[in-house]
N, C-alpha and C. Protein backbone atom coordinates (compact mmCIF):
# COMPACT_ATOMS: atom_id res chain seq x y z
N MET A 1 -3.03 -10.97 24.21
CA MET A 1 -3.37 -11.85 23.12
C MET A 1 -3.38 -11.10 21.78
N LYS A 2 -3.96 -9.88 21.80
CA LYS A 2 -4.02 -9.08 20.57
C LYS A 2 -2.62 -8.73 20.08
N ILE A 3 -1.72 -8.43 21.00
CA ILE A 3 -0.35 -8.08 20.64
C ILE A 3 0.35 -9.27 20.00
N ILE A 4 0.15 -10.45 20.56
CA ILE A 4 0.76 -11.66 20.01
C ILE A 4 0.21 -11.92 18.61
N PHE A 5 -1.10 -11.83 18.44
CA PHE A 5 -1.72 -12.06 17.13
C PHE A 5 -1.20 -11.05 16.11
N LYS A 6 -1.14 -9.77 16.52
CA LYS A 6 -0.66 -8.72 15.61
C LYS A 6 0.80 -8.99 15.22
N THR A 7 1.62 -9.36 16.19
CA THR A 7 3.04 -9.65 15.92
C THR A 7 3.17 -10.84 14.97
N LEU A 8 2.39 -11.89 15.21
CA LEU A 8 2.45 -13.06 14.33
C LEU A 8 1.97 -12.72 12.92
N THR A 9 0.97 -11.86 12.81
CA THR A 9 0.48 -11.44 11.50
C THR A 9 1.57 -10.67 10.76
N ILE A 10 2.22 -9.74 11.43
CA ILE A 10 3.29 -8.96 10.81
C ILE A 10 4.43 -9.87 10.38
N ILE A 11 4.82 -10.80 11.25
CA ILE A 11 5.91 -11.73 10.91
C ILE A 11 5.51 -12.58 9.71
N SER A 12 4.28 -13.08 9.69
CA SER A 12 3.82 -13.90 8.57
C SER A 12 3.83 -13.13 7.26
N LEU A 13 3.34 -11.90 7.29
CA LEU A 13 3.34 -11.08 6.08
C LEU A 13 4.76 -10.78 5.61
N THR A 14 5.65 -10.49 6.55
CA THR A 14 7.05 -10.22 6.20
C THR A 14 7.68 -11.44 5.54
N ILE A 15 7.46 -12.61 6.10
CA ILE A 15 8.01 -13.84 5.52
C ILE A 15 7.43 -14.07 4.13
N LEU A 16 6.12 -13.88 3.98
CA LEU A 16 5.48 -14.06 2.67
C LEU A 16 6.09 -13.13 1.63
N LEU A 17 6.34 -11.89 2.02
CA LEU A 17 6.91 -10.94 1.06
C LEU A 17 8.36 -11.22 0.75
N MET A 18 9.05 -11.94 1.64
CA MET A 18 10.45 -12.25 1.41
C MET A 18 10.64 -13.48 0.55
N ILE A 19 9.63 -14.31 0.42
CA ILE A 19 9.73 -15.51 -0.41
C ILE A 19 9.86 -15.08 -1.86
N PRO A 20 10.89 -15.50 -2.54
CA PRO A 20 11.08 -15.05 -3.91
C PRO A 20 10.04 -15.64 -4.86
N GLN A 21 8.99 -14.87 -5.07
CA GLN A 21 7.97 -15.27 -6.04
C GLN A 21 8.32 -14.56 -7.35
N THR A 22 8.89 -15.27 -8.25
CA THR A 22 9.34 -14.63 -9.46
C THR A 22 8.47 -15.06 -10.62
N GLN A 23 7.60 -14.17 -11.01
CA GLN A 23 6.81 -14.48 -12.17
C GLN A 23 6.49 -13.17 -12.89
N ALA A 24 6.52 -13.24 -14.18
CA ALA A 24 6.17 -12.09 -15.01
C ALA A 24 4.91 -12.45 -15.77
N SER A 25 4.04 -11.47 -15.91
CA SER A 25 2.81 -11.75 -16.64
C SER A 25 2.33 -10.50 -17.35
N GLN A 26 1.52 -10.74 -18.37
CA GLN A 26 0.84 -9.63 -19.02
C GLN A 26 -0.40 -9.35 -18.21
N VAL A 27 -0.71 -8.08 -18.04
CA VAL A 27 -1.89 -7.67 -17.30
C VAL A 27 -2.66 -6.66 -18.15
N SER A 28 -3.88 -6.38 -17.77
CA SER A 28 -4.66 -5.40 -18.52
C SER A 28 -5.52 -4.61 -17.56
N GLY A 29 -6.12 -3.57 -18.07
CA GLY A 29 -6.97 -2.71 -17.27
C GLY A 29 -6.28 -1.40 -16.98
N LYS A 30 -7.07 -0.41 -16.65
CA LYS A 30 -6.53 0.90 -16.29
C LYS A 30 -5.71 0.79 -15.02
N ALA A 31 -4.59 1.48 -15.02
CA ALA A 31 -3.76 1.52 -13.82
C ALA A 31 -4.47 2.40 -12.79
N PRO A 32 -4.68 1.90 -11.58
CA PRO A 32 -5.32 2.73 -10.56
C PRO A 32 -4.50 4.00 -10.29
N ASN A 33 -5.18 5.13 -10.28
CA ASN A 33 -4.50 6.38 -10.00
C ASN A 33 -4.20 6.47 -8.51
N PHE A 34 -3.16 7.19 -8.17
CA PHE A 34 -2.79 7.40 -6.77
C PHE A 34 -2.02 8.70 -6.66
N THR A 35 -1.98 9.20 -5.45
CA THR A 35 -1.16 10.36 -5.10
C THR A 35 -0.32 9.97 -3.90
N LEU A 36 0.99 10.13 -4.02
CA LEU A 36 1.90 9.82 -2.92
C LEU A 36 2.91 10.94 -2.74
N LYS A 37 3.38 11.10 -1.53
CA LYS A 37 4.42 12.09 -1.25
C LYS A 37 5.76 11.55 -1.74
N SER A 38 6.50 12.41 -2.40
CA SER A 38 7.81 12.02 -2.94
C SER A 38 8.92 12.34 -1.93
N ARG A 39 10.08 11.85 -2.23
CA ARG A 39 11.26 12.09 -1.40
C ARG A 39 11.53 13.59 -1.27
N SER A 40 11.20 14.36 -2.31
CA SER A 40 11.42 15.81 -2.27
C SER A 40 10.36 16.53 -1.45
N GLY A 41 9.31 15.80 -1.02
CA GLY A 41 8.24 16.40 -0.23
C GLY A 41 7.03 16.79 -1.06
N LYS A 42 7.18 16.72 -2.38
CA LYS A 42 6.08 17.07 -3.29
C LYS A 42 5.17 15.86 -3.49
N ASN A 43 3.85 16.11 -3.57
CA ASN A 43 2.92 15.04 -3.90
C ASN A 43 2.94 14.80 -5.40
N LEU A 44 3.02 13.55 -5.80
CA LEU A 44 2.97 13.19 -7.22
C LEU A 44 1.78 12.29 -7.46
N LYS A 45 1.11 12.52 -8.60
CA LYS A 45 -0.03 11.70 -9.02
C LYS A 45 0.38 10.89 -10.23
N LEU A 46 -0.04 9.65 -10.27
CA LEU A 46 0.24 8.83 -11.45
C LEU A 46 -0.34 9.48 -12.70
N SER A 47 -1.53 10.06 -12.60
CA SER A 47 -2.19 10.65 -13.78
C SER A 47 -1.38 11.79 -14.41
N GLU A 48 -0.46 12.38 -13.67
CA GLU A 48 0.41 13.44 -14.21
C GLU A 48 1.35 12.91 -15.28
N PHE A 49 1.53 11.61 -15.32
CA PHE A 49 2.48 11.00 -16.24
C PHE A 49 1.80 10.39 -17.46
N ARG A 50 0.50 10.64 -17.62
CA ARG A 50 -0.23 10.13 -18.80
C ARG A 50 0.48 10.63 -20.05
N GLY A 51 0.59 9.77 -21.05
CA GLY A 51 1.34 10.10 -22.26
C GLY A 51 2.75 9.53 -22.25
N GLN A 52 3.19 9.06 -21.09
CA GLN A 52 4.49 8.43 -20.97
C GLN A 52 4.31 6.95 -20.65
N VAL A 53 5.33 6.18 -20.95
CA VAL A 53 5.39 4.81 -20.47
C VAL A 53 5.91 4.91 -19.03
N VAL A 54 5.20 4.28 -18.10
CA VAL A 54 5.55 4.40 -16.69
C VAL A 54 5.83 3.01 -16.11
N MET A 55 6.93 2.93 -15.40
CA MET A 55 7.26 1.72 -14.64
C MET A 55 7.10 2.09 -13.17
N ILE A 56 6.29 1.32 -12.45
CA ILE A 56 6.16 1.48 -11.00
C ILE A 56 6.85 0.29 -10.36
N ASN A 57 7.82 0.59 -9.50
CA ASN A 57 8.55 -0.46 -8.81
C ASN A 57 8.28 -0.34 -7.31
N PHE A 58 7.54 -1.31 -6.77
CA PHE A 58 7.26 -1.37 -5.34
C PHE A 58 8.43 -2.07 -4.66
N TRP A 59 9.02 -1.43 -3.68
CA TRP A 59 10.23 -1.96 -3.06
C TRP A 59 10.28 -1.65 -1.56
N ALA A 60 11.21 -2.32 -0.87
CA ALA A 60 11.47 -2.08 0.54
C ALA A 60 12.97 -2.18 0.78
N SER A 61 13.46 -1.40 1.73
CA SER A 61 14.90 -1.39 2.00
C SER A 61 15.39 -2.72 2.58
N TRP A 62 14.52 -3.48 3.24
CA TRP A 62 14.92 -4.76 3.83
C TRP A 62 14.95 -5.90 2.80
N CYS A 63 14.50 -5.63 1.59
CA CYS A 63 14.37 -6.64 0.55
C CYS A 63 15.66 -6.74 -0.26
N ALA A 64 16.37 -7.86 -0.13
CA ALA A 64 17.64 -8.04 -0.84
C ALA A 64 17.49 -7.94 -2.37
N PRO A 65 16.50 -8.60 -2.99
CA PRO A 65 16.34 -8.44 -4.43
C PRO A 65 16.05 -7.00 -4.85
N CYS A 66 15.33 -6.26 -4.00
CA CYS A 66 15.05 -4.84 -4.29
C CYS A 66 16.36 -4.05 -4.32
N ARG A 67 17.21 -4.30 -3.35
CA ARG A 67 18.50 -3.60 -3.29
C ARG A 67 19.38 -3.97 -4.47
N GLN A 68 19.31 -5.23 -4.89
CA GLN A 68 20.09 -5.68 -6.04
C GLN A 68 19.60 -5.01 -7.32
N GLU A 69 18.31 -4.82 -7.42
CA GLU A 69 17.69 -4.30 -8.63
C GLU A 69 17.82 -2.77 -8.77
N MET A 70 17.88 -2.06 -7.66
CA MET A 70 17.80 -0.59 -7.68
C MET A 70 18.82 0.07 -8.61
N PRO A 71 20.11 -0.27 -8.58
CA PRO A 71 21.05 0.37 -9.50
C PRO A 71 20.73 0.07 -10.97
N LEU A 72 20.19 -1.11 -11.23
CA LEU A 72 19.81 -1.48 -12.60
C LEU A 72 18.62 -0.65 -13.07
N LEU A 73 17.69 -0.38 -12.17
CA LEU A 73 16.55 0.47 -12.51
C LEU A 73 17.01 1.88 -12.85
N GLU A 74 18.00 2.37 -12.13
CA GLU A 74 18.55 3.70 -12.40
C GLU A 74 19.12 3.76 -13.83
N LYS A 75 19.83 2.72 -14.24
CA LYS A 75 20.37 2.68 -15.60
C LYS A 75 19.26 2.68 -16.64
N ILE A 76 18.20 1.92 -16.39
CA ILE A 76 17.06 1.87 -17.32
C ILE A 76 16.41 3.26 -17.40
N TYR A 77 16.21 3.88 -16.26
CA TYR A 77 15.60 5.21 -16.23
C TYR A 77 16.43 6.21 -17.04
N LYS A 78 17.72 6.22 -16.81
CA LYS A 78 18.59 7.17 -17.54
C LYS A 78 18.58 6.90 -19.04
N LYS A 79 18.51 5.63 -19.42
CA LYS A 79 18.54 5.27 -20.84
C LYS A 79 17.29 5.70 -21.59
N TYR A 80 16.11 5.58 -20.95
CA TYR A 80 14.85 5.77 -21.67
C TYR A 80 14.08 7.04 -21.30
N LYS A 81 14.51 7.79 -20.30
CA LYS A 81 13.71 8.93 -19.84
C LYS A 81 13.50 10.00 -20.91
N ARG A 82 14.45 10.18 -21.80
CA ARG A 82 14.31 11.19 -22.87
C ARG A 82 13.34 10.75 -23.96
N LEU A 83 12.93 9.48 -23.93
CA LEU A 83 12.05 8.94 -24.97
C LEU A 83 10.59 8.87 -24.54
N GLY A 84 10.27 9.45 -23.37
CA GLY A 84 8.89 9.41 -22.91
C GLY A 84 8.64 8.31 -21.89
N PHE A 85 9.64 8.02 -21.07
CA PHE A 85 9.56 6.98 -20.06
C PHE A 85 9.84 7.59 -18.69
N THR A 86 9.12 7.13 -17.70
CA THR A 86 9.46 7.49 -16.32
C THR A 86 9.36 6.26 -15.44
N LEU A 87 10.06 6.33 -14.33
CA LEU A 87 10.09 5.24 -13.37
C LEU A 87 9.73 5.83 -12.01
N LEU A 88 8.80 5.22 -11.33
CA LEU A 88 8.41 5.65 -9.99
C LEU A 88 8.75 4.53 -9.01
N GLY A 89 9.65 4.79 -8.10
CA GLY A 89 9.99 3.83 -7.07
C GLY A 89 9.08 4.06 -5.87
N VAL A 90 8.26 3.08 -5.54
CA VAL A 90 7.30 3.23 -4.44
C VAL A 90 7.76 2.38 -3.26
N ASN A 91 8.24 3.06 -2.22
CA ASN A 91 8.67 2.37 -1.02
C ASN A 91 7.45 2.05 -0.18
N VAL A 92 7.36 0.80 0.31
CA VAL A 92 6.16 0.32 1.00
C VAL A 92 6.31 0.24 2.53
N GLU A 93 7.40 0.75 3.07
CA GLU A 93 7.64 0.63 4.50
C GLU A 93 6.86 1.69 5.28
N GLN A 94 6.33 1.29 6.44
CA GLN A 94 5.59 2.24 7.26
C GLN A 94 6.50 3.32 7.81
N ASP A 95 7.71 2.94 8.21
CA ASP A 95 8.71 3.90 8.68
C ASP A 95 9.67 4.15 7.53
N THR A 96 9.68 5.36 7.00
CA THR A 96 10.46 5.66 5.80
C THR A 96 11.94 5.92 6.09
N SER A 97 12.34 5.95 7.35
CA SER A 97 13.73 6.30 7.67
C SER A 97 14.74 5.30 7.10
N ALA A 98 14.43 4.02 7.12
CA ALA A 98 15.36 3.02 6.56
C ALA A 98 15.53 3.21 5.06
N ALA A 99 14.44 3.51 4.36
CA ALA A 99 14.51 3.75 2.92
C ALA A 99 15.34 5.00 2.62
N LYS A 100 15.12 6.04 3.39
CA LYS A 100 15.87 7.29 3.19
C LYS A 100 17.35 7.07 3.45
N ASN A 101 17.69 6.29 4.47
CA ASN A 101 19.10 5.98 4.74
C ASN A 101 19.70 5.16 3.61
N TYR A 102 18.97 4.17 3.13
CA TYR A 102 19.44 3.35 2.01
C TYR A 102 19.73 4.23 0.78
N LEU A 103 18.86 5.19 0.52
CA LEU A 103 19.00 6.03 -0.67
C LEU A 103 20.15 7.04 -0.56
N LYS A 104 20.70 7.20 0.64
CA LYS A 104 21.90 8.04 0.79
C LYS A 104 23.10 7.35 0.15
N ASN A 105 23.10 6.01 0.18
CA ASN A 105 24.21 5.22 -0.35
C ASN A 105 23.98 4.79 -1.79
N VAL A 106 22.75 4.52 -2.15
CA VAL A 106 22.42 4.10 -3.51
C VAL A 106 21.60 5.23 -4.12
N ARG A 107 22.28 6.06 -4.87
CA ARG A 107 21.63 7.26 -5.41
C ARG A 107 20.88 6.93 -6.69
N VAL A 108 19.64 7.39 -6.72
CA VAL A 108 18.82 7.24 -7.92
C VAL A 108 18.23 8.60 -8.26
N SER A 109 18.03 8.84 -9.55
CA SER A 109 17.50 10.12 -9.99
C SER A 109 16.01 10.06 -10.29
N PHE A 110 15.43 8.86 -10.34
CA PHE A 110 14.00 8.76 -10.59
C PHE A 110 13.24 9.06 -9.29
N PRO A 111 11.97 9.47 -9.41
CA PRO A 111 11.20 9.82 -8.21
C PRO A 111 10.98 8.61 -7.30
N ILE A 112 11.20 8.84 -6.02
CA ILE A 112 10.90 7.86 -4.98
C ILE A 112 9.68 8.37 -4.23
N LEU A 113 8.67 7.51 -4.13
CA LEU A 113 7.42 7.85 -3.45
C LEU A 113 7.27 6.95 -2.23
N PHE A 114 6.52 7.43 -1.24
CA PHE A 114 6.37 6.68 0.00
C PHE A 114 4.91 6.28 0.21
N ASP A 115 4.68 4.97 0.23
CA ASP A 115 3.36 4.38 0.46
C ASP A 115 3.34 3.78 1.86
N ASN A 116 3.51 4.64 2.88
CA ASN A 116 3.65 4.13 4.24
C ASN A 116 2.34 3.62 4.85
N THR A 117 1.22 3.80 4.16
CA THR A 117 -0.05 3.21 4.62
C THR A 117 -0.41 1.97 3.81
N ASN A 118 0.34 1.69 2.77
CA ASN A 118 0.15 0.55 1.87
C ASN A 118 -1.15 0.59 1.08
N LYS A 119 -1.79 1.74 0.99
CA LYS A 119 -3.03 1.86 0.21
C LYS A 119 -2.76 1.63 -1.27
N THR A 120 -1.68 2.20 -1.77
CA THR A 120 -1.35 2.05 -3.19
C THR A 120 -0.93 0.62 -3.48
N SER A 121 -0.15 0.03 -2.59
CA SER A 121 0.27 -1.36 -2.75
C SER A 121 -0.94 -2.29 -2.85
N LYS A 122 -1.94 -2.01 -2.05
CA LYS A 122 -3.16 -2.82 -2.07
C LYS A 122 -3.92 -2.62 -3.38
N LEU A 123 -3.95 -1.38 -3.90
CA LEU A 123 -4.61 -1.12 -5.18
C LEU A 123 -4.01 -1.97 -6.29
N TYR A 124 -2.69 -2.17 -6.23
CA TYR A 124 -1.97 -2.92 -7.25
C TYR A 124 -1.79 -4.39 -6.87
N LYS A 125 -2.38 -4.80 -5.77
CA LYS A 125 -2.33 -6.19 -5.31
C LYS A 125 -0.90 -6.71 -5.20
N VAL A 126 -0.05 -5.90 -4.60
CA VAL A 126 1.35 -6.28 -4.41
C VAL A 126 1.42 -7.42 -3.41
N SER A 127 2.01 -8.53 -3.85
CA SER A 127 2.12 -9.72 -2.99
C SER A 127 3.54 -10.24 -2.90
N ALA A 128 4.48 -9.56 -3.54
CA ALA A 128 5.88 -9.97 -3.50
C ALA A 128 6.75 -8.72 -3.58
N MET A 129 7.95 -8.83 -3.05
CA MET A 129 8.91 -7.72 -3.12
C MET A 129 10.07 -8.14 -3.96
N PRO A 130 10.49 -7.36 -4.92
CA PRO A 130 9.76 -6.20 -5.44
C PRO A 130 8.63 -6.64 -6.36
N THR A 131 7.73 -5.73 -6.64
CA THR A 131 6.73 -5.91 -7.69
C THR A 131 6.87 -4.73 -8.63
N THR A 132 6.91 -5.03 -9.92
CA THR A 132 7.08 -4.00 -10.93
C THR A 132 5.92 -4.07 -11.92
N VAL A 133 5.31 -2.92 -12.15
CA VAL A 133 4.20 -2.79 -13.09
C VAL A 133 4.62 -1.81 -14.18
N ILE A 134 4.38 -2.19 -15.43
CA ILE A 134 4.70 -1.31 -16.55
C ILE A 134 3.39 -0.90 -17.22
N ILE A 135 3.24 0.41 -17.38
CA ILE A 135 1.99 1.02 -17.85
C ILE A 135 2.24 1.72 -19.18
N ASP A 136 1.30 1.56 -20.12
CA ASP A 136 1.47 2.20 -21.43
C ASP A 136 1.08 3.68 -21.38
N ARG A 137 1.27 4.37 -22.52
CA ARG A 137 1.03 5.81 -22.61
C ARG A 137 -0.42 6.20 -22.34
N ASN A 138 -1.35 5.25 -22.50
CA ASN A 138 -2.77 5.51 -22.28
C ASN A 138 -3.22 5.20 -20.85
N GLY A 139 -2.28 4.83 -20.00
CA GLY A 139 -2.62 4.56 -18.60
C GLY A 139 -3.09 3.15 -18.34
N ASN A 140 -2.81 2.23 -19.27
CA ASN A 140 -3.21 0.83 -19.10
C ASN A 140 -2.04 0.01 -18.59
N MET A 141 -2.33 -0.85 -17.59
CA MET A 141 -1.31 -1.78 -17.11
C MET A 141 -1.08 -2.81 -18.20
N ARG A 142 0.18 -3.09 -18.48
CA ARG A 142 0.49 -4.06 -19.54
C ARG A 142 1.34 -5.23 -19.05
N PHE A 143 2.27 -4.98 -18.15
CA PHE A 143 3.16 -6.04 -17.67
C PHE A 143 3.32 -5.92 -16.16
N MET A 144 3.42 -7.09 -15.51
CA MET A 144 3.69 -7.12 -14.07
C MET A 144 4.73 -8.19 -13.80
N HIS A 145 5.69 -7.82 -12.99
CA HIS A 145 6.75 -8.74 -12.57
C HIS A 145 6.69 -8.84 -11.05
N LYS A 146 6.60 -10.05 -10.55
CA LYS A 146 6.62 -10.27 -9.10
C LYS A 146 7.96 -10.88 -8.75
N GLY A 147 8.67 -10.21 -7.85
CA GLY A 147 10.00 -10.66 -7.48
C GLY A 147 11.03 -10.11 -8.46
N TYR A 148 12.28 -10.50 -8.23
CA TYR A 148 13.37 -10.10 -9.13
C TYR A 148 14.43 -11.18 -9.12
N LYS A 149 14.90 -11.51 -10.31
CA LYS A 149 16.07 -12.35 -10.51
C LYS A 149 16.95 -11.64 -11.53
N PRO A 150 18.27 -11.82 -11.44
CA PRO A 150 19.14 -11.22 -12.44
C PRO A 150 18.68 -11.60 -13.85
N GLY A 151 18.59 -10.63 -14.71
CA GLY A 151 18.12 -10.84 -16.06
C GLY A 151 16.74 -10.23 -16.30
N TYR A 152 15.98 -10.01 -15.22
CA TYR A 152 14.67 -9.38 -15.38
C TYR A 152 14.79 -8.02 -16.06
N GLU A 153 15.91 -7.35 -15.80
CA GLU A 153 16.09 -6.02 -16.40
C GLU A 153 16.06 -6.09 -17.92
N ASN A 154 16.46 -7.21 -18.50
CA ASN A 154 16.39 -7.37 -19.96
C ASN A 154 14.93 -7.43 -20.42
N SER A 155 14.09 -8.12 -19.66
CA SER A 155 12.66 -8.15 -19.96
C SER A 155 12.07 -6.75 -19.83
N TYR A 156 12.46 -6.03 -18.77
CA TYR A 156 11.96 -4.68 -18.58
C TYR A 156 12.26 -3.82 -19.81
N LYS A 157 13.52 -3.86 -20.24
CA LYS A 157 13.92 -3.03 -21.39
C LYS A 157 13.16 -3.40 -22.65
N LYS A 158 12.99 -4.69 -22.89
CA LYS A 158 12.25 -5.15 -24.06
C LYS A 158 10.80 -4.65 -24.02
N GLN A 159 10.18 -4.75 -22.86
CA GLN A 159 8.79 -4.31 -22.72
C GLN A 159 8.67 -2.80 -22.82
N ILE A 160 9.60 -2.07 -22.26
CA ILE A 160 9.59 -0.61 -22.34
C ILE A 160 9.74 -0.18 -23.79
N ARG A 161 10.68 -0.78 -24.52
CA ARG A 161 10.88 -0.43 -25.94
C ARG A 161 9.61 -0.70 -26.74
N LYS A 162 8.96 -1.83 -26.47
CA LYS A 162 7.72 -2.17 -27.17
C LYS A 162 6.67 -1.09 -26.94
N LEU A 163 6.49 -0.68 -25.70
CA LEU A 163 5.47 0.33 -25.38
C LEU A 163 5.85 1.71 -25.89
N LEU A 164 7.12 2.03 -25.92
CA LEU A 164 7.55 3.33 -26.46
C LEU A 164 7.28 3.43 -27.96
N ARG A 165 7.34 2.29 -28.66
CA ARG A 165 7.08 2.28 -30.11
C ARG A 165 5.60 2.38 -30.46
N GLU A 166 4.72 2.06 -29.51
CA GLU A 166 3.27 2.08 -29.79
C GLU A 166 2.74 3.50 -29.92
C-alpha cells in the first residue's frame, strides 16, 4: 500500500510540474541562501554572488520547456556576464545522470548546480518547471517566472538590464 501511495504521489507531482503554469510576477524579500554542488564538483553558495544580478533557473532534463529555454539562457549569460550578471542553473532531479547526459549535447558555460534533495527548490517554493528567479545586487528577489513560453527571454533581458542599472 505504501509503495502504491508513494508511486501515485510521485506521478501526481510530476504531472503538476509538467503543466505549463506560465506566470511572471514581481517578488520581494531576501533571497534564501543555499549551498549546492556544481557540475565541476565545487560547492557554490548564493551569497558568494552578492553584488551581482543573479538569475536562478530551476530546471529538469525531462522538462520540454526547460530544454527549449536552455540555449537562450546561455545567450543571455554570455551577453550580460561582463556587466555584473551571473546565471545559476539548478537541476532539481534526484538522479543527476540524465541532466549530465543532456548537458553533453547542450553546452552551457554558466554554473549548473544539483539540488537532488529539493531543499533549495522548496526554499524558493518552486511549483512549476522551469522556475526562474531574478535577484538584485543586494540579494533581494525581484522577479519570478513560473514556466516558460517563447518570448520570456525578452522579459528576462529587460529585467536584468533594469537591475544592472540600479
